[in-house]
Amino acid sequence: MSKSKIFLNQISKLIEQGIYNYKDFSNEFISILKSKREELIYRLKITSSEETEILIKRIEKIEKKLDKIEKKNKIKKFKKVKK
């Protein structure tokens, strides 16, 4: 092989390794940021979006039950007739 082909092969190997290292670096950086975010949420005692959605659904169910109970009580009051 000529010297230019060897040189180009070495450069291409370095570029490939750099790309792989860049991808690994970016994945590692993203995972570090996610862990820091979770740590911050834990410290501030903020609920996650999933927990918030679950709590909202539970509150809605309880409100519906309360409305049903209040309606039943109103109906019972109106059924009384004065003599």
PDB file of N, CA and C in Angstrom:
ATOM      1  N   MET A   1       0.830  -1.183   0.000  1.00  0.00           N
ATOM      2  CA  MET A   1       0.000   0.000   0.000  1.00  0.00           C
ATOM      3  C   MET A   1       0.877   1.249   0.000  1.00  0.00           C
ATOM      4  N   SER A   2       0.372   2.249  -0.609  1.00  0.00           N
ATOM      5  CA  SER A   2       1.145   3.479  -0.658  1.00  0.00           C
ATOM      6  C   SER A   2       0.967   4.242   0.657  1.00  0.00           C
ATOM      7  N   LYS A   3       1.828   5.167   0.861  1.00  0.00           N
ATOM      8  CA  LYS A   3       1.808   5.949   2.093  1.00  0.00           C
ATOM      9  C   LYS A   3       0.533   6.766   2.228  1.00  0.00           C
ATOM     10  N   SER A   4      -0.002   7.227   1.141  1.00  0.00           N
ATOM     11  CA  SER A   4      -1.220   8.046   1.209  1.00  0.00           C
ATOM     12  C   SER A   4      -2.427   7.204   1.647  1.00  0.00           C
ATOM     13  N   LYS A   5      -2.497   5.945   1.181  1.00  0.00           N
ATOM     14  CA  LYS A   5      -3.599   5.074   1.582  1.00  0.00           C
ATOM     15  C   LYS A   5      -3.504   4.732   3.067  1.00  0.00           C
ATOM     16  N   ILE A   6      -2.310   4.489   3.545  1.00  0.00           N
ATOM     17  CA  ILE A   6      -2.114   4.192   4.971  1.00  0.00           C
ATOM     18  C   ILE A   6      -2.527   5.397   5.800  1.00  0.00           C
ATOM     19  N   PHE A   7      -2.100   6.554   5.357  1.00  0.00           N
ATOM     20  CA  PHE A   7      -2.443   7.792   6.065  1.00  0.00           C
ATOM     21  C   PHE A   7      -3.954   8.012   6.087  1.00  0.00           C
ATOM     22  N   LEU A   8      -4.616   7.811   4.934  1.00  0.00           N
ATOM     23  CA  LEU A   8      -6.074   7.981   4.865  1.00  0.00           C
ATOM     24  C   LEU A   8      -6.797   6.950   5.736  1.00  0.00           C
ATOM     25  N   ASN A   9      -6.292   5.723   5.764  1.00  0.00           N
ATOM     26  CA  ASN A   9      -6.899   4.695   6.618  1.00  0.00           C
ATOM     27  C   ASN A   9      -6.789   5.070   8.096  1.00  0.00           C
ATOM     28  N   GLN A  10      -5.633   5.567   8.471  1.00  0.00           N
ATOM     29  CA  GLN A  10      -5.444   5.963   9.870  1.00  0.00           C
ATOM     30  C   GLN A  10      -6.355   7.127  10.228  1.00  0.00           C
ATOM     31  N   ILE A  11      -6.485   8.087   9.345  1.00  0.00           N
ATOM     32  CA  ILE A  11      -7.361   9.233   9.602  1.00  0.00           C
ATOM     33  C   ILE A  11      -8.815   8.779   9.685  1.00  0.00           C
ATOM     34  N   SER A  12      -9.221   7.892   8.782  1.00  0.00           N
ATOM     35  CA  SER A  12     -10.611   7.413   8.813  1.00  0.00           C
ATOM     36  C   SER A  12     -10.898   6.647  10.103  1.00  0.00           C
ATOM     37  N   LYS A  13      -9.941   5.875  10.594  1.00  0.00           N
ATOM     38  CA  LYS A  13     -10.116   5.152  11.867  1.00  0.00           C
ATOM     39  C   LYS A  13     -10.270   6.140  13.027  1.00  0.00           C
ATOM     40  N   LEU A  14      -9.467   7.195  13.009  1.00  0.00           N
ATOM     41  CA  LEU A  14      -9.561   8.204  14.060  1.00  0.00           C
ATOM     42  C   LEU A  14     -10.922   8.898  14.033  1.00  0.00           C
ATOM     43  N   ILE A  15     -11.407   9.192  12.846  1.00  0.00           N
ATOM     44  CA  ILE A  15     -12.710   9.854  12.714  1.00  0.00           C
ATOM     45  C   ILE A  15     -13.820   8.935  13.216  1.00  0.00           C
ATOM     46  N   GLU A  16     -13.754   7.643  12.833  1.00  0.00           N
ATOM     47  CA  GLU A  16     -14.758   6.685  13.305  1.00  0.00           C
ATOM     48  C   GLU A  16     -14.759   6.591  14.820  1.00  0.00           C
ATOM     49  N   GLN A  17     -13.570   6.504  15.402  1.00  0.00           N
ATOM     50  CA  GLN A  17     -13.476   6.436  16.860  1.00  0.00           C
ATOM     51  C   GLN A  17     -13.999   7.711  17.496  1.00  0.00           C
ATOM     52  N   GLY A  18     -13.736   8.834  16.873  1.00  0.00           N
ATOM     53  CA  GLY A  18     -14.235  10.110  17.391  1.00  0.00           C
ATOM     54  C   GLY A  18     -15.741  10.165  17.372  1.00  0.00           C
ATOM     55  N   ILE A  19     -16.349   9.643  16.309  1.00  0.00           N
ATOM     56  CA  ILE A  19     -17.815   9.637  16.219  1.00  0.00           C
ATOM     57  C   ILE A  19     -18.392   8.741  17.295  1.00  0.00           C
ATOM     58  N   TYR A  20     -17.807   7.572  17.464  1.00  0.00           N
ATOM     59  CA  TYR A  20     -18.298   6.667  18.511  1.00  0.00           C
ATOM     60  C   TYR A  20     -18.134   7.297  19.882  1.00  0.00           C
ATOM     61  N   ASN A  21     -17.002   7.936  20.101  1.00  0.00           N
ATOM     62  CA  ASN A  21     -16.768   8.594  21.383  1.00  0.00           C
ATOM     63  C   ASN A  21     -17.748   9.742  21.593  1.00  0.00           C
ATOM     64  N   TYR A  22     -18.062  10.462  20.528  1.00  0.00           N
ATOM     65  CA  TYR A  22     -19.005  11.565  20.627  1.00  0.00           C
ATOM     66  C   TYR A  22     -20.390  11.049  21.002  1.00  0.00           C
ATOM     67  N   LYS A  23     -20.824   9.950  20.366  1.00  0.00           N
ATOM     68  CA  LYS A  23     -22.129   9.366  20.690  1.00  0.00           C
ATOM     69  C   LYS A  23     -22.155   8.881  22.128  1.00  0.00           C
ATOM     70  N   ASP A  24     -21.090   8.206  22.555  1.00  0.00           N
ATOM     71  CA  ASP A  24     -21.017   7.734  23.938  1.00  0.00           C
ATOM     72  C   ASP A  24     -21.033   8.909  24.905  1.00  0.00           C
ATOM     73  N   PHE A  25     -20.282   9.946  24.552  1.00  0.00           N
ATOM     74  CA  PHE A  25     -20.223  11.132  25.404  1.00  0.00           C
ATOM     75  C   PHE A  25     -21.591  11.791  25.520  1.00  0.00           C
ATOM     76  N   SER A  26     -22.286  11.924  24.389  1.00  0.00           N
ATOM     77  CA  SER A  26     -23.597  12.572  24.420  1.00  0.00           C
ATOM     78  C   SER A  26     -24.596  11.726  25.209  1.00  0.00           C
ATOM     79  N   ASN A  27     -24.574  10.399  25.046  1.00  0.00           N
ATOM     80  CA  ASN A  27     -25.468   9.529  25.824  1.00  0.00           C
ATOM     81  C   ASN A  27     -25.167   9.622  27.316  1.00  0.00           C
ATOM     82  N   GLU A  28     -23.902   9.656  27.656  1.00  0.00           N
ATOM     83  CA  GLU A  28     -23.507   9.762  29.061  1.00  0.00           C
ATOM     84  C   GLU A  28     -23.932  11.118  29.630  1.00  0.00           C
ATOM     85  N   PHE A  29     -23.763  12.164  28.852  1.00  0.00           N
ATOM     86  CA  PHE A  29     -24.147  13.508  29.288  1.00  0.00           C
ATOM     87  C   PHE A  29     -25.652  13.577  29.543  1.00  0.00           C
ATOM     88  N   ILE A  30     -26.452  12.981  28.660  1.00  0.00           N
ATOM     89  CA  ILE A  30     -27.906  12.978  28.820  1.00  0.00           C
ATOM     90  C   ILE A  30     -28.299  12.200  30.064  1.00  0.00           C
ATOM     91  N   SER A  31     -27.665  11.063  30.302  1.00  0.00           N
ATOM     92  CA  SER A  31     -28.005  10.280  31.493  1.00  0.00           C
ATOM     93  C   SER A  31     -27.626  11.028  32.772  1.00  0.00           C
ATOM     94  N   ILE A  32     -26.518  11.751  32.748  1.00  0.00           N
ATOM     95  CA  ILE A  32     -26.116  12.547  33.919  1.00  0.00           C
ATOM     96  C   ILE A  32     -27.138  13.643  34.178  1.00  0.00           C
ATOM     97  N   LEU A  33     -27.594  14.313  33.120  1.00  0.00           N
ATOM     98  CA  LEU A  33     -28.591  15.372  33.286  1.00  0.00           C
ATOM     99  C   LEU A  33     -29.904  14.812  33.833  1.00  0.00           C
ATOM    100  N   LYS A  34     -30.313  13.646  33.365  1.00  0.00           N
ATOM    101  CA  LYS A  34     -31.543  13.033  33.872  1.00  0.00           C
ATOM    102  C   LYS A  34     -31.419  12.702  35.342  1.00  0.00           C
ATOM    103  N   SER A  35     -30.281  12.159  35.748  1.00  0.00           N
ATOM    104  CA  SER A  35     -30.106  11.820  37.160  1.00  0.00           C
ATOM    105  C   SER A  35     -30.087  13.077  38.030  1.00  0.00           C
ATOM    106  N   LYS A  36     -29.472  14.146  37.539  1.00  0.00           N
ATOM    107  CA  LYS A  36     -29.462  15.411  38.291  1.00  0.00           C
ATOM    108  C   LYS A  36     -30.868  15.973  38.416  1.00  0.00           C
ATOM    109  N   ARG A  37     -31.664  15.867  37.346  1.00  0.00           N
ATOM    110  CA  ARG A  37     -33.038  16.342  37.387  1.00  0.00           C
ATOM    111  C   ARG A  37     -33.842  15.560  38.422  1.00  0.00           C
ATOM    112  N   GLU A  38     -33.692  14.236  38.423  1.00  0.00           N
ATOM    113  CA  GLU A  38     -34.407  13.413  39.393  1.00  0.00           C
ATOM    114  C   GLU A  38     -33.975  13.738  40.820  1.00  0.00           C
ATOM    115  N   GLU A  39     -32.696  13.984  40.997  1.00  0.00           N
ATOM    116  CA  GLU A  39     -32.188  14.349  42.321  1.00  0.00           C
ATOM    117  C   GLU A  39     -32.776  15.680  42.775  1.00  0.00           C
ATOM    118  N   LEU A  40     -32.855  16.641  41.885  1.00  0.00           N
ATOM    119  CA  LEU A  40     -33.429  17.950  42.205  1.00  0.00           C
ATOM    120  C   LEU A  40     -34.912  17.815  42.558  1.00  0.00           C
ATOM    121  N   ILE A  41     -35.636  17.021  41.791  1.00  0.00           N
ATOM    122  CA  ILE A  41     -37.056  16.796  42.064  1.00  0.00           C
ATOM    123  C   ILE A  41     -37.220  16.160  43.435  1.00  0.00           C
ATOM    124  N   TYR A  42     -36.365  15.217  43.760  1.00  0.00           N
ATOM    125  CA  TYR A  42     -36.451  14.559  45.063  1.00  0.00           C
ATOM    126  C   TYR A  42     -36.169  15.558  46.186  1.00  0.00           C
ATOM    127  N   ARG A  43     -35.160  16.403  45.985  1.00  0.00           N
ATOM    128  CA  ARG A  43     -34.819  17.376  47.027  1.00  0.00           C
ATOM    129  C   ARG A  43     -35.935  18.395  47.247  1.00  0.00           C
ATOM    130  N   LEU A  44     -36.561  18.831  46.167  1.00  0.00           N
ATOM    131  CA  LEU A  44     -37.624  19.836  46.273  1.00  0.00           C
ATOM    132  C   LEU A  44     -38.978  19.214  46.613  1.00  0.00           C
ATOM    133  N   LYS A  45     -39.009  17.887  46.640  1.00  0.00           N
ATOM    134  CA  LYS A  45     -40.229  17.140  46.941  1.00  0.00           C
ATOM    135  C   LYS A  45     -41.346  17.483  45.959  1.00  0.00           C
ATOM    136  N   ILE A  46     -40.989  17.563  44.701  1.00  0.00           N
ATOM    137  CA  ILE A  46     -41.944  17.820  43.627  1.00  0.00           C
ATOM    138  C   ILE A  46     -42.362  16.476  43.060  1.00  0.00           C
ATOM    139  N   THR A  47     -43.651  16.334  42.797  1.00  0.00           N
ATOM    140  CA  THR A  47     -44.111  15.077  42.225  1.00  0.00           C
ATOM    141  C   THR A  47     -43.824  15.047  40.729  1.00  0.00           C
ATOM    142  N   SER A  48     -43.677  13.853  40.198  1.00  0.00           N
ATOM    143  CA  SER A  48     -43.452  13.719  38.767  1.00  0.00           C
ATOM    144  C   SER A  48     -44.773  13.899  38.032  1.00  0.00           C
ATOM    145  N   SER A  49     -44.711  14.028  36.741  1.00  0.00           N
ATOM    146  CA  SER A  49     -45.932  14.246  35.957  1.00  0.00           C
ATOM    147  C   SER A  49     -46.854  13.032  36.043  1.00  0.00           C
ATOM    148  N   GLU A  50     -46.293  11.833  36.111  1.00  0.00           N
ATOM    149  CA  GLU A  50     -47.111  10.625  36.233  1.00  0.00           C
ATOM    150  C   GLU A  50     -47.880  10.624  37.551  1.00  0.00           C
ATOM    151  N   GLU A  51     -47.182  10.945  38.620  1.00  0.00           N
ATOM    152  CA  GLU A  51     -47.831  10.987  39.931  1.00  0.00           C
ATOM    153  C   GLU A  51     -48.921  12.059  39.958  1.00  0.00           C
ATOM    154  N   THR A  52     -48.644  13.191  39.338  1.00  0.00           N
ATOM    155  CA  THR A  52     -49.621  14.277  39.304  1.00  0.00           C
ATOM    156  C   THR A  52     -50.876  13.851  38.558  1.00  0.00           C
ATOM    157  N   GLU A  53     -50.705  13.169  37.435  1.00  0.00           N
ATOM    158  CA  GLU A  53     -51.863  12.690  36.671  1.00  0.00           C
ATOM    159  C   GLU A  53     -52.689  11.704  37.486  1.00  0.00           C
ATOM    160  N   ILE A  54     -52.033  10.810  38.185  1.00  0.00           N
ATOM    161  CA  ILE A  54     -52.741   9.832  39.009  1.00  0.00           C
ATOM    162  C   ILE A  54     -53.520  10.533  40.114  1.00  0.00           C
ATOM    163  N   LEU A  55     -52.899  11.515  40.750  1.00  0.00           N
ATOM    164  CA  LEU A  55     -53.580  12.250  41.814  1.00  0.00           C
ATOM    165  C   LEU A  55     -54.781  13.025  41.282  1.00  0.00           C
ATOM    166  N   ILE A  56     -54.654  13.609  40.110  1.00  0.00           N
ATOM    167  CA  ILE A  56     -55.766  14.355  39.513  1.00  0.00           C
ATOM    168  C   ILE A  56     -56.934  13.414  39.235  1.00  0.00           C
ATOM    169  N   LYS A  57     -56.651  12.234  38.713  1.00  0.00           N
ATOM    170  CA  LYS A  57     -57.711  11.269  38.432  1.00  0.00           C
ATOM    171  C   LYS A  57     -58.404  10.832  39.720  1.00  0.00           C
ATOM    172  N   ARG A  58     -57.633  10.607  40.765  1.00  0.00           N
ATOM    173  CA  ARG A  58     -58.225  10.202  42.046  1.00  0.00           C
ATOM    174  C   ARG A  58     -59.128  11.303  42.604  1.00  0.00           C
ATOM    175  N   ILE A  59     -58.685  12.538  42.487  1.00  0.00           N
ATOM    176  CA  ILE A  59     -59.486  13.667  42.976  1.00  0.00           C
ATOM    177  C   ILE A  59     -60.779  13.777  42.183  1.00  0.00           C
ATOM    178  N   GLU A  60     -60.707  13.587  40.863  1.00  0.00           N
ATOM    179  CA  GLU A  60     -61.909  13.646  40.033  1.00  0.00           C
ATOM    180  C   GLU A  60     -62.912  12.570  40.442  1.00  0.00           C
ATOM    181  N   LYS A  61     -62.434  11.370  40.721  1.00  0.00           N
ATOM    182  CA  LYS A  61     -63.322  10.288  41.155  1.00  0.00           C
ATOM    183  C   LYS A  61     -63.998  10.638  42.477  1.00  0.00           C
ATOM    184  N   ILE A  62     -63.235  11.176  43.385  1.00  0.00           N
ATOM    185  CA  ILE A  62     -63.786  11.541  44.693  1.00  0.00           C
ATOM    186  C   ILE A  62     -64.820  12.656  44.536  1.00  0.00           C
ATOM    187  N   GLU A  63     -64.545  13.627  43.667  1.00  0.00           N
ATOM    188  CA  GLU A  63     -65.508  14.707  43.433  1.00  0.00           C
ATOM    189  C   GLU A  63     -66.805  14.172  42.832  1.00  0.00           C
ATOM    190  N   LYS A  64     -66.718  13.223  41.931  1.00  0.00           N
ATOM    191  CA  LYS A  64     -67.917  12.624  41.342  1.00  0.00           C
ATOM    192  C   LYS A  64     -68.740  11.910  42.407  1.00  0.00           C
ATOM    193  N   LYS A  65     -68.069  11.169  43.273  1.00  0.00           N
ATOM    194  CA  LYS A  65     -68.777  10.474  44.348  1.00  0.00           C
ATOM    195  C   LYS A  65     -69.452  11.466  45.288  1.00  0.00           C
ATOM    196  N   LEU A  66     -68.770  12.547  45.591  1.00  0.00           N
ATOM    197  CA  LEU A  66     -69.320  13.576  46.464  1.00  0.00           C
ATOM    198  C   LEU A  66     -70.554  14.220  45.830  1.00  0.00           C
ATOM    199  N   ASP A  67     -70.483  14.492  44.533  1.00  0.00           N
ATOM    200  CA  ASP A  67     -71.631  15.064  43.818  1.00  0.00           C
ATOM    201  C   ASP A  67     -72.831  14.115  43.874  1.00  0.00           C
ATOM    202  N   LYS A  68     -72.598  12.837  43.688  1.00  0.00           N
ATOM    203  CA  LYS A  68     -73.683  11.848  43.744  1.00  0.00           C
ATOM    204  C   LYS A  68     -74.329  11.841  45.121  1.00  0.00           C
ATOM    205  N   ILE A  69     -73.513  11.881  46.137  1.00  0.00           N
ATOM    206  CA  ILE A  69     -74.027  11.865  47.515  1.00  0.00           C
ATOM    207  C   ILE A  69     -74.845  13.131  47.778  1.00  0.00           C
ATOM    208  N   GLU A  70     -74.344  14.281  47.331  1.00  0.00           N
ATOM    209  CA  GLU A  70     -75.072  15.535  47.527  1.00  0.00           C
ATOM    210  C   GLU A  70     -76.401  15.520  46.774  1.00  0.00           C
ATOM    211  N   LYS A  71     -76.436  14.971  45.589  1.00  0.00           N
ATOM    212  CA  LYS A  71     -77.676  14.880  44.817  1.00  0.00           C
ATOM    213  C   LYS A  71     -78.691  13.993  45.527  1.00  0.00           C
ATOM    214  N   LYS A  72     -78.239  12.898  46.095  1.00  0.00           N
ATOM    215  CA  LYS A  72     -79.136  12.002  46.814  1.00  0.00           C
ATOM    216  C   LYS A  72     -79.741  12.711  48.018  1.00  0.00           C
ATOM    217  N   ASN A  73     -78.926  13.472  48.719  1.00  0.00           N
ATOM    218  CA  ASN A  73     -79.415  14.201  49.885  1.00  0.00           C
ATOM    219  C   ASN A  73     -80.435  15.275  49.484  1.00  0.00           C
ATOM    220  N   LYS A  74     -80.227  15.947  48.376  1.00  0.00           N
ATOM    221  CA  LYS A  74     -81.165  16.969  47.908  1.00  0.00           C
ATOM    222  C   LYS A  74     -82.485  16.331  47.510  1.00  0.00           C
ATOM    223  N   ILE A  75     -82.431  15.200  46.857  1.00  0.00           N
ATOM    224  CA  ILE A  75     -83.652  14.510  46.437  1.00  0.00           C
ATOM    225  C   ILE A  75     -84.460  14.086  47.658  1.00  0.00           C
ATOM    226  N   LYS A  76     -83.817  13.612  48.666  1.00  0.00           N
ATOM    227  CA  LYS A  76     -84.510  13.197  49.879  1.00  0.00           C
ATOM    228  C   LYS A  76     -85.198  14.391  50.536  1.00  0.00           C
ATOM    229  N   LYS A  77     -84.583  15.554  50.513  1.00  0.00           N
ATOM    230  CA  LYS A  77     -85.166  16.737  51.139  1.00  0.00           C
ATOM    231  C   LYS A  77     -86.411  17.194  50.377  1.00  0.00           C
ATOM    232  N   PHE A  78     -86.396  17.110  49.073  1.00  0.00           N
ATOM    233  CA  PHE A  78     -87.533  17.569  48.279  1.00  0.00           C
ATOM    234  C   PHE A  78     -88.713  16.615  48.337  1.00  0.00           C
ATOM    235  N   LYS A  79     -88.520  15.391  48.699  1.00  0.00           N
ATOM    236  CA  LYS A  79     -89.609  14.429  48.739  1.00  0.00           C
ATOM    237  C   LYS A  79     -90.522  14.648  49.929  1.00  0.00           C
ATOM    238  N   LYS A  80     -90.052  15.343  50.931  1.00  0.00           N
ATOM    239  CA  LYS A  80     -90.896  15.591  52.113  1.00  0.00           C
ATOM    240  C   LYS A  80     -92.014  16.566  51.749  1.00  0.00           C
ATOM    241  N   VAL A  81     -93.200  16.222  52.170  1.00  0.00           N
ATOM    242  CA  VAL A  81     -94.371  17.047  51.854  1.00  0.00           C
ATOM    243  C   VAL A  81     -94.981  17.540  53.167  1.00  0.00           C
ATOM    244  N   LYS A  82     -95.407  18.805  53.177  1.00  0.00           N
ATOM    245  CA  LYS A  82     -96.045  19.354  54.369  1.00  0.00           C
ATOM    246  C   LYS A  82     -97.486  18.866  54.418  1.00  0.00           C
ATOM    247  N   LYS A  83     -97.968  18.572  55.595  1.00  0.00           N
ATOM    248  CA  LYS A  83     -99.348  18.128  55.763  1.00  0.00           C
ATOM    249  C   LYS A  83    -100.206  19.237  56.286  1.00  0.00           C
TER     250      LYS A  83
END
